Amino acid sequence: MDTDLLPLLGVTIATFVGTTLGNLLMPVVLRVSETPRRQITTGFQSGSAVTPLLCAMGTALTSVVPVQRIGLPGAIPLSLGVLGLVSALRA
């Protein structure tokens, strides 16, 4: 296997695992949230529809941005999610 593909493979696996965990948490959010189910479902479906487009853009980015830096923008939604979870737990 080409050594340039190893970091990309790691990022791909980590992204898949993170997305799968998010999808598994969806029923839990539906049970405990006061947000209307229709709003949550619409947001989830919209996000699922946009995901292939973002994946294609990410793949195209590998020709411009070094593979080692592709995952760095992922820290933004991750940190926003952690901040949201912390604020929800404090409330």
N, C-alpha and C. Protein backbone atom coordinates (compact mmCIF):
# COMPACT_ATOMS: atom_id res chain seq x y z
N MET A 1 0.85 -1.19 0.00
CA MET A 1 0.00 0.00 0.00
C MET A 1 0.89 1.24 0.00
N ASP A 2 0.52 2.20 -0.77
CA ASP A 2 1.26 3.45 -0.86
C ASP A 2 1.25 4.16 0.48
N THR A 3 2.39 4.69 0.92
CA THR A 3 2.47 5.31 2.24
C THR A 3 1.66 6.60 2.32
N ASP A 4 1.37 7.24 1.21
CA ASP A 4 0.54 8.45 1.22
C ASP A 4 -0.92 8.13 1.51
N LEU A 5 -1.31 6.91 1.26
CA LEU A 5 -2.70 6.52 1.49
C LEU A 5 -2.98 6.14 2.94
N LEU A 6 -1.96 5.80 3.70
CA LEU A 6 -2.17 5.39 5.08
C LEU A 6 -2.81 6.48 5.94
N PRO A 7 -2.32 7.72 5.92
CA PRO A 7 -3.00 8.75 6.72
C PRO A 7 -4.43 9.00 6.25
N LEU A 8 -4.66 8.96 4.96
CA LEU A 8 -6.01 9.15 4.42
C LEU A 8 -6.93 8.02 4.86
N LEU A 9 -6.40 6.81 4.89
CA LEU A 9 -7.18 5.67 5.35
C LEU A 9 -7.56 5.84 6.83
N GLY A 10 -6.61 6.33 7.63
CA GLY A 10 -6.89 6.57 9.04
C GLY A 10 -7.97 7.61 9.24
N VAL A 11 -7.89 8.69 8.49
CA VAL A 11 -8.91 9.74 8.58
C VAL A 11 -10.27 9.20 8.13
N THR A 12 -10.27 8.40 7.09
CA THR A 12 -11.52 7.83 6.59
C THR A 12 -12.17 6.92 7.63
N ILE A 13 -11.38 6.07 8.26
CA ILE A 13 -11.91 5.16 9.27
C ILE A 13 -12.43 5.94 10.47
N ALA A 14 -11.67 6.94 10.92
CA ALA A 14 -12.11 7.76 12.06
C ALA A 14 -13.40 8.50 11.75
N THR A 15 -13.53 9.00 10.54
CA THR A 15 -14.74 9.70 10.14
C THR A 15 -15.93 8.76 10.10
N PHE A 16 -15.73 7.56 9.57
CA PHE A 16 -16.80 6.58 9.51
C PHE A 16 -17.27 6.19 10.90
N VAL A 17 -16.33 5.95 11.80
CA VAL A 17 -16.69 5.57 13.17
C VAL A 17 -17.43 6.71 13.85
N GLY A 18 -16.95 7.93 13.69
CA GLY A 18 -17.63 9.08 14.29
C GLY A 18 -19.04 9.27 13.77
N THR A 19 -19.20 9.11 12.48
CA THR A 19 -20.53 9.25 11.88
C THR A 19 -21.47 8.15 12.36
N THR A 20 -20.95 6.94 12.43
CA THR A 20 -21.77 5.82 12.89
C THR A 20 -22.20 6.02 14.33
N LEU A 21 -21.30 6.49 15.17
CA LEU A 21 -21.67 6.76 16.56
C LEU A 21 -22.73 7.86 16.64
N GLY A 22 -22.59 8.87 15.80
CA GLY A 22 -23.61 9.92 15.76
C GLY A 22 -24.97 9.38 15.36
N ASN A 23 -24.98 8.48 14.41
CA ASN A 23 -26.25 7.88 13.97
C ASN A 23 -26.84 6.98 15.05
N LEU A 24 -26.01 6.35 15.84
CA LEU A 24 -26.51 5.52 16.93
C LEU A 24 -27.09 6.36 18.06
N LEU A 25 -26.56 7.56 18.23
CA LEU A 25 -27.05 8.44 19.29
C LEU A 25 -28.36 9.14 18.91
N MET A 26 -28.70 9.12 17.64
CA MET A 26 -29.90 9.80 17.18
C MET A 26 -31.17 9.35 17.90
N PRO A 27 -31.43 8.06 18.07
CA PRO A 27 -32.64 7.66 18.81
C PRO A 27 -32.64 8.13 20.26
N VAL A 28 -31.48 8.21 20.86
CA VAL A 28 -31.40 8.70 22.24
C VAL A 28 -31.81 10.16 22.30
N VAL A 29 -31.34 10.95 21.35
CA VAL A 29 -31.69 12.37 21.31
C VAL A 29 -33.19 12.53 21.10
N LEU A 30 -33.77 11.71 20.25
CA LEU A 30 -35.21 11.78 20.01
C LEU A 30 -36.00 11.48 21.28
N ARG A 31 -35.50 10.59 22.11
CA ARG A 31 -36.22 10.22 23.33
C ARG A 31 -36.14 11.31 24.41
N VAL A 32 -34.98 11.93 24.58
CA VAL A 32 -34.79 12.85 25.71
C VAL A 32 -34.96 14.32 25.35
N SER A 33 -35.00 14.64 24.08
CA SER A 33 -35.05 16.04 23.66
C SER A 33 -36.47 16.58 23.68
N GLU A 34 -36.57 17.86 23.99
CA GLU A 34 -37.86 18.53 23.91
C GLU A 34 -38.08 19.15 22.53
N THR A 35 -37.07 19.08 21.68
CA THR A 35 -37.19 19.57 20.32
C THR A 35 -38.17 18.68 19.56
N PRO A 36 -39.06 19.27 18.78
CA PRO A 36 -40.02 18.45 18.03
C PRO A 36 -39.31 17.42 17.14
N ARG A 37 -39.86 16.23 17.11
CA ARG A 37 -39.25 15.14 16.34
C ARG A 37 -39.12 15.49 14.86
N ARG A 38 -40.11 16.20 14.34
CA ARG A 38 -40.07 16.56 12.92
C ARG A 38 -38.85 17.44 12.63
N GLN A 39 -38.54 18.36 13.52
CA GLN A 39 -37.39 19.25 13.33
C GLN A 39 -36.09 18.44 13.38
N ILE A 40 -36.00 17.52 14.30
CA ILE A 40 -34.79 16.70 14.41
C ILE A 40 -34.65 15.82 13.17
N THR A 41 -35.75 15.20 12.77
CA THR A 41 -35.71 14.31 11.60
C THR A 41 -35.34 15.09 10.34
N THR A 42 -35.89 16.28 10.17
CA THR A 42 -35.58 17.09 9.00
C THR A 42 -34.10 17.47 8.99
N GLY A 43 -33.58 17.87 10.13
CA GLY A 43 -32.16 18.21 10.22
C GLY A 43 -31.27 17.02 9.93
N PHE A 44 -31.64 15.87 10.45
CA PHE A 44 -30.87 14.65 10.23
C PHE A 44 -30.86 14.27 8.75
N GLN A 45 -32.03 14.34 8.12
CA GLN A 45 -32.12 13.99 6.70
C GLN A 45 -31.38 15.00 5.83
N SER A 46 -31.44 16.27 6.19
CA SER A 46 -30.71 17.29 5.43
C SER A 46 -29.21 17.05 5.53
N GLY A 47 -28.76 16.76 6.74
CA GLY A 47 -27.34 16.47 6.93
C GLY A 47 -26.91 15.23 6.16
N SER A 48 -27.76 14.23 6.13
CA SER A 48 -27.44 13.01 5.40
C SER A 48 -27.39 13.26 3.89
N ALA A 49 -28.20 14.17 3.41
CA ALA A 49 -28.21 14.48 1.98
C ALA A 49 -26.97 15.28 1.58
N VAL A 50 -26.46 16.10 2.48
CA VAL A 50 -25.31 16.95 2.17
C VAL A 50 -24.00 16.18 2.32
N THR A 51 -24.00 15.12 3.11
CA THR A 51 -22.77 14.38 3.40
C THR A 51 -22.05 13.89 2.14
N PRO A 52 -22.72 13.27 1.15
CA PRO A 52 -21.97 12.84 -0.05
C PRO A 52 -21.30 13.99 -0.79
N LEU A 53 -21.95 15.14 -0.81
CA LEU A 53 -21.35 16.31 -1.46
C LEU A 53 -20.08 16.73 -0.73
N LEU A 54 -20.15 16.77 0.60
CA LEU A 54 -18.97 17.14 1.39
C LEU A 54 -17.85 16.11 1.24
N CYS A 55 -18.21 14.84 1.14
CA CYS A 55 -17.21 13.80 0.93
C CYS A 55 -16.50 13.98 -0.41
N ALA A 56 -17.27 14.30 -1.43
CA ALA A 56 -16.67 14.53 -2.76
C ALA A 56 -15.74 15.74 -2.72
N MET A 57 -16.16 16.79 -2.02
CA MET A 57 -15.31 17.97 -1.90
C MET A 57 -14.04 17.64 -1.12
N GLY A 58 -14.17 16.84 -0.09
CA GLY A 58 -13.00 16.44 0.69
C GLY A 58 -12.03 15.61 -0.12
N THR A 59 -12.57 14.76 -0.96
CA THR A 59 -11.72 13.95 -1.83
C THR A 59 -10.97 14.84 -2.81
N ALA A 60 -11.65 15.82 -3.37
CA ALA A 60 -11.00 16.74 -4.30
C ALA A 60 -9.94 17.59 -3.60
N LEU A 61 -10.16 17.87 -2.32
CA LEU A 61 -9.21 18.67 -1.56
C LEU A 61 -7.85 17.99 -1.42
N THR A 62 -7.83 16.66 -1.45
CA THR A 62 -6.56 15.96 -1.27
C THR A 62 -5.57 16.26 -2.38
N SER A 63 -6.04 16.76 -3.51
CA SER A 63 -5.12 17.12 -4.58
C SER A 63 -4.51 18.50 -4.36
N VAL A 64 -5.07 19.28 -3.43
CA VAL A 64 -4.59 20.63 -3.18
C VAL A 64 -3.94 20.76 -1.80
N VAL A 65 -4.55 20.15 -0.80
CA VAL A 65 -4.09 20.26 0.59
C VAL A 65 -3.35 18.98 0.97
N PRO A 66 -2.25 19.10 1.70
CA PRO A 66 -1.56 17.88 2.15
C PRO A 66 -2.48 16.99 2.98
N VAL A 67 -2.36 15.68 2.79
CA VAL A 67 -3.23 14.72 3.45
C VAL A 67 -3.16 14.86 4.97
N GLN A 68 -2.00 15.21 5.51
CA GLN A 68 -1.84 15.33 6.95
C GLN A 68 -2.70 16.44 7.54
N ARG A 69 -3.15 17.38 6.73
CA ARG A 69 -3.92 18.51 7.25
C ARG A 69 -5.41 18.45 6.91
N ILE A 70 -5.83 17.43 6.20
CA ILE A 70 -7.23 17.32 5.78
C ILE A 70 -8.16 17.23 6.98
N GLY A 71 -7.78 16.52 8.03
CA GLY A 71 -8.65 16.32 9.19
C GLY A 71 -8.74 17.50 10.13
N LEU A 72 -7.87 18.48 9.99
CA LEU A 72 -7.85 19.61 10.93
C LEU A 72 -9.16 20.40 10.99
N PRO A 73 -9.83 20.69 9.87
CA PRO A 73 -11.11 21.41 9.98
C PRO A 73 -12.19 20.63 10.73
N GLY A 74 -12.02 19.32 10.86
CA GLY A 74 -12.97 18.51 11.62
C GLY A 74 -13.00 18.86 13.09
N ALA A 75 -11.97 19.55 13.57
CA ALA A 75 -11.95 19.95 14.97
C ALA A 75 -13.01 21.01 15.27
N ILE A 76 -13.46 21.74 14.27
CA ILE A 76 -14.45 22.80 14.49
C ILE A 76 -15.79 22.21 14.91
N PRO A 77 -16.42 21.32 14.12
CA PRO A 77 -17.70 20.78 14.58
C PRO A 77 -17.55 19.91 15.83
N LEU A 78 -16.41 19.25 15.96
CA LEU A 78 -16.18 18.44 17.15
C LEU A 78 -16.17 19.30 18.40
N SER A 79 -15.46 20.42 18.34
CA SER A 79 -15.41 21.32 19.51
C SER A 79 -16.77 21.97 19.77
N LEU A 80 -17.51 22.30 18.71
CA LEU A 80 -18.85 22.86 18.91
C LEU A 80 -19.77 21.84 19.58
N GLY A 81 -19.65 20.58 19.18
CA GLY A 81 -20.45 19.53 19.80
C GLY A 81 -20.10 19.33 21.26
N VAL A 82 -18.81 19.35 21.57
CA VAL A 82 -18.39 19.20 22.96
C VAL A 82 -18.87 20.38 23.80
N LEU A 83 -18.77 21.58 23.27
CA LEU A 83 -19.26 22.76 24.00
C LEU A 83 -20.76 22.69 24.22
N GLY A 84 -21.49 22.24 23.20
CA GLY A 84 -22.94 22.09 23.34
C GLY A 84 -23.30 21.04 24.38
N LEU A 85 -22.55 19.95 24.40
CA LEU A 85 -22.80 18.89 25.39
C LEU A 85 -22.51 19.39 26.79
N VAL A 86 -21.41 20.11 26.96
CA VAL A 86 -21.06 20.64 28.28
C VAL A 86 -22.12 21.62 28.76
N SER A 87 -22.58 22.50 27.87
CA SER A 87 -23.61 23.48 28.29
C SER A 87 -24.94 22.78 28.59
N ALA A 88 -25.24 21.70 27.85
CA ALA A 88 -26.48 20.96 28.11
C ALA A 88 -26.41 20.23 29.45
N LEU A 89 -25.24 19.73 29.77
CA LEU A 89 -25.09 19.02 31.06
C LEU A 89 -25.12 19.97 32.24
N ARG A 90 -24.66 21.19 32.03
CA ARG A 90 -24.68 22.18 33.11
C ARG A 90 -26.06 22.75 33.37
N ALA A 91 -26.93 22.71 32.35
CA ALA A 91 -28.28 23.30 32.48
C ALA A 91 -29.19 22.46 33.35
